Amino acid sequence: MIRHWLQQRDNDQLILIFAGWGLGPSVFAQVQAEADVLLVEDYRQLDLSPAPLRHYAQCTALGYSFGVAALLHWLARLAATDWRPDRLVAINGTAFP
């Protein structure tokens, strides 16, 4: 997976965005929040480690379009770990494309 920090202020909250297939970060570039914002794309390998995400007190994971299915598949791979986002948001996507 390719990672893009859209906003990194060493905050204790994170918004983790799984973008749609081939969408890239430009659509989300204007996102402004109190939280740090990390966008991921390119789901050929679901290799995002939750280790760097653990220091956040709160994480909202947002999937957009095909990113919804990618997010859910990634979370299924993490089932054996103790890390989970606090909130899940699905926009214009499905778990079964």
C-alpha atoms as a PDB file:
ATOM      1  CA  MET A   1       0.000   0.000   0.000  1.00  0.00           C
ATOM      2  CA  ILE A   2       1.146   3.528  -0.692  1.00  0.00           C
ATOM      3  CA  ARG A   3       0.891   5.952   2.212  1.00  0.00           C
ATOM      4  CA  HIS A   4       0.367   9.727   2.027  1.00  0.00           C
ATOM      5  CA  TRP A   5       0.347  11.910   5.120  1.00  0.00           C
ATOM      6  CA  LEU A   6      -2.130  14.659   4.260  1.00  0.00           C
ATOM      7  CA  GLN A   7      -1.744  16.229   7.676  1.00  0.00           C
ATOM      8  CA  GLN A   8       0.718  15.241  10.370  1.00  0.00           C
ATOM      9  CA  ARG A   9       0.826  17.390  13.485  1.00  0.00           C
ATOM     10  CA  ASP A  10       1.724  14.703  16.018  1.00  0.00           C
ATOM     11  CA  ASN A  11      -1.851  14.754  17.285  1.00  0.00           C
ATOM     12  CA  ASP A  12      -3.373  12.033  19.473  1.00  0.00           C
ATOM     13  CA  GLN A  13      -6.178  11.438  16.945  1.00  0.00           C
ATOM     14  CA  LEU A  14      -5.918   9.907  13.482  1.00  0.00           C
ATOM     15  CA  ILE A  15      -8.178   9.807  10.461  1.00  0.00           C
ATOM     16  CA  LEU A  16      -7.116   6.862   8.295  1.00  0.00           C
ATOM     17  CA  ILE A  17      -8.536   7.106   4.761  1.00  0.00           C
ATOM     18  CA  PHE A  18      -8.676   4.184   2.342  1.00  0.00           C
ATOM     19  CA  ALA A  19      -9.154   5.923  -1.023  1.00  0.00           C
ATOM     20  CA  GLY A  20     -11.038   4.496  -3.979  1.00  0.00           C
ATOM     21  CA  TRP A  21      -9.213   2.398  -6.560  1.00  0.00           C
ATOM     22  CA  GLY A  22      -6.916   4.608  -8.640  1.00  0.00           C
ATOM     23  CA  LEU A  23      -8.261   7.767  -6.984  1.00  0.00           C
ATOM     24  CA  GLY A  24      -5.055   9.014  -5.374  1.00  0.00           C
ATOM     25  CA  PRO A  25      -4.658  11.605  -2.643  1.00  0.00           C
ATOM     26  CA  SER A  26      -5.617  14.742  -4.610  1.00  0.00           C
ATOM     27  CA  VAL A  27      -9.357  14.345  -3.921  1.00  0.00           C
ATOM     28  CA  PHE A  28      -8.692  14.371  -0.179  1.00  0.00           C
ATOM     29  CA  ALA A  29      -5.895  16.970  -0.186  1.00  0.00           C
ATOM     30  CA  GLN A  30      -8.182  19.675   1.221  1.00  0.00           C
ATOM     31  CA  VAL A  31      -9.227  17.636   4.269  1.00  0.00           C
ATOM     32  CA  GLN A  32      -8.565  19.685   7.365  1.00  0.00           C
ATOM     33  CA  ALA A  33      -9.119  18.354  10.853  1.00  0.00           C
ATOM     34  CA  GLU A  34      -7.712  18.524  14.346  1.00  0.00           C
ATOM     35  CA  ALA A  35      -6.510  14.939  13.777  1.00  0.00           C
ATOM     36  CA  ASP A  36      -3.565  13.680  11.773  1.00  0.00           C
ATOM     37  CA  VAL A  37      -4.746  12.405   8.383  1.00  0.00           C
ATOM     38  CA  LEU A  38      -3.172   9.397   6.662  1.00  0.00           C
ATOM     39  CA  LEU A  39      -4.410   8.289   3.254  1.00  0.00           C
ATOM     40  CA  VAL A  40      -3.584   4.891   1.802  1.00  0.00           C
ATOM     41  CA  GLU A  41      -4.058   3.618  -1.734  1.00  0.00           C
ATOM     42  CA  ASP A  42      -2.900   0.801  -4.019  1.00  0.00           C
ATOM     43  CA  TYR A  43      -4.364  -2.331  -2.482  1.00  0.00           C
ATOM     44  CA  ARG A  44      -2.340  -4.956  -4.349  1.00  0.00           C
ATOM     45  CA  GLN A  45      -0.649  -5.713  -1.024  1.00  0.00           C
ATOM     46  CA  LEU A  46      -2.459  -5.006   2.226  1.00  0.00           C
ATOM     47  CA  ASP A  47       0.804  -4.410   4.070  1.00  0.00           C
ATOM     48  CA  LEU A  48       0.025  -1.424   6.285  1.00  0.00           C
ATOM     49  CA  SER A  49       1.291  -2.303   9.749  1.00  0.00           C
ATOM     50  CA  PRO A  50      -0.840  -1.110  12.658  1.00  0.00           C
ATOM     51  CA  ALA A  51       2.324  -0.572  14.765  1.00  0.00           C
ATOM     52  CA  PRO A  52       2.780   3.139  13.869  1.00  0.00           C
ATOM     53  CA  LEU A  53      -0.938   3.719  14.465  1.00  0.00           C
ATOM     54  CA  ARG A  54      -0.888   2.436  18.042  1.00  0.00           C
ATOM     55  CA  HIS A  55       0.268   5.687  19.613  1.00  0.00           C
ATOM     56  CA  TYR A  56      -2.970   7.412  18.611  1.00  0.00           C
ATOM     57  CA  ALA A  57      -5.568   7.614  21.385  1.00  0.00           C
ATOM     58  CA  GLN A  58      -8.370   7.568  18.808  1.00  0.00           C
ATOM     59  CA  CYS A  59      -8.563   6.420  15.184  1.00  0.00           C
ATOM     60  CA  THR A  60     -11.365   6.870  12.685  1.00  0.00           C
ATOM     61  CA  ALA A  61     -10.993   4.650   9.607  1.00  0.00           C
ATOM     62  CA  LEU A  62     -12.814   5.873   6.517  1.00  0.00           C
ATOM     63  CA  GLY A  63     -13.241   3.874   3.330  1.00  0.00           C
ATOM     64  CA  TYR A  64     -14.304   5.534   0.106  1.00  0.00           C
ATOM     65  CA  SER A  65     -15.629   3.534  -2.869  1.00  0.00           C
ATOM     66  CA  PHE A  66     -13.347   0.501  -3.381  1.00  0.00           C
ATOM     67  CA  GLY A  67     -11.509   1.630  -0.254  1.00  0.00           C
ATOM     68  CA  VAL A  68     -14.444   0.280   1.786  1.00  0.00           C
ATOM     69  CA  ALA A  69     -13.730  -3.303   0.669  1.00  0.00           C
ATOM     70  CA  ALA A  70      -9.952  -2.793   0.992  1.00  0.00           C
ATOM     71  CA  LEU A  71     -10.355  -1.432   4.522  1.00  0.00           C
ATOM     72  CA  LEU A  72     -12.489  -4.389   5.584  1.00  0.00           C
ATOM     73  CA  HIS A  73     -10.070  -6.912   4.053  1.00  0.00           C
ATOM     74  CA  TRP A  74      -7.159  -5.178   5.809  1.00  0.00           C
ATOM     75  CA  LEU A  75      -9.016  -5.253   9.135  1.00  0.00           C
ATOM     76  CA  ALA A  76      -9.740  -8.971   8.668  1.00  0.00           C
ATOM     77  CA  ARG A  77      -5.988  -9.558   8.323  1.00  0.00           C
ATOM     78  CA  LEU A  78      -5.494  -7.762  11.647  1.00  0.00           C
ATOM     79  CA  ALA A  79      -8.023  -9.929  13.486  1.00  0.00           C
ATOM     80  CA  ALA A  80      -5.263 -11.629  15.497  1.00  0.00           C
ATOM     81  CA  THR A  81      -3.906  -8.294  16.750  1.00  0.00           C
ATOM     82  CA  ASP A  82      -5.357  -6.154  19.493  1.00  0.00           C
ATOM     83  CA  TRP A  83      -5.526  -2.982  17.356  1.00  0.00           C
ATOM     84  CA  ARG A  84      -8.846  -1.777  15.941  1.00  0.00           C
ATOM     85  CA  PRO A  85     -10.065   1.656  14.862  1.00  0.00           C
ATOM     86  CA  ASP A  86     -12.510   3.330  17.224  1.00  0.00           C
ATOM     87  CA  ARG A  87     -14.863   4.288  14.412  1.00  0.00           C
ATOM     88  CA  LEU A  88     -15.501   2.935  10.915  1.00  0.00           C
ATOM     89  CA  VAL A  89     -17.029   5.038   8.138  1.00  0.00           C
ATOM     90  CA  ALA A  90     -18.024   3.730   4.696  1.00  0.00           C
ATOM     91  CA  ILE A  91     -18.760   6.198   1.886  1.00  0.00           C
ATOM     92  CA  ASN A  92     -20.143   5.146  -1.484  1.00  0.00           C
ATOM     93  CA  GLY A  93     -18.757   1.614  -1.249  1.00  0.00           C
ATOM     94  CA  THR A  94     -19.589  -1.925  -0.217  1.00  0.00           C
ATOM     95  CA  ALA A  95     -17.931  -4.821   1.542  1.00  0.00           C
ATOM     96  CA  PHE A  96     -18.824  -7.041  -1.439  1.00  0.00           C
ATOM     97  CA  PRO A  97     -17.968  -5.239  -4.712  1.00  0.00           C
END
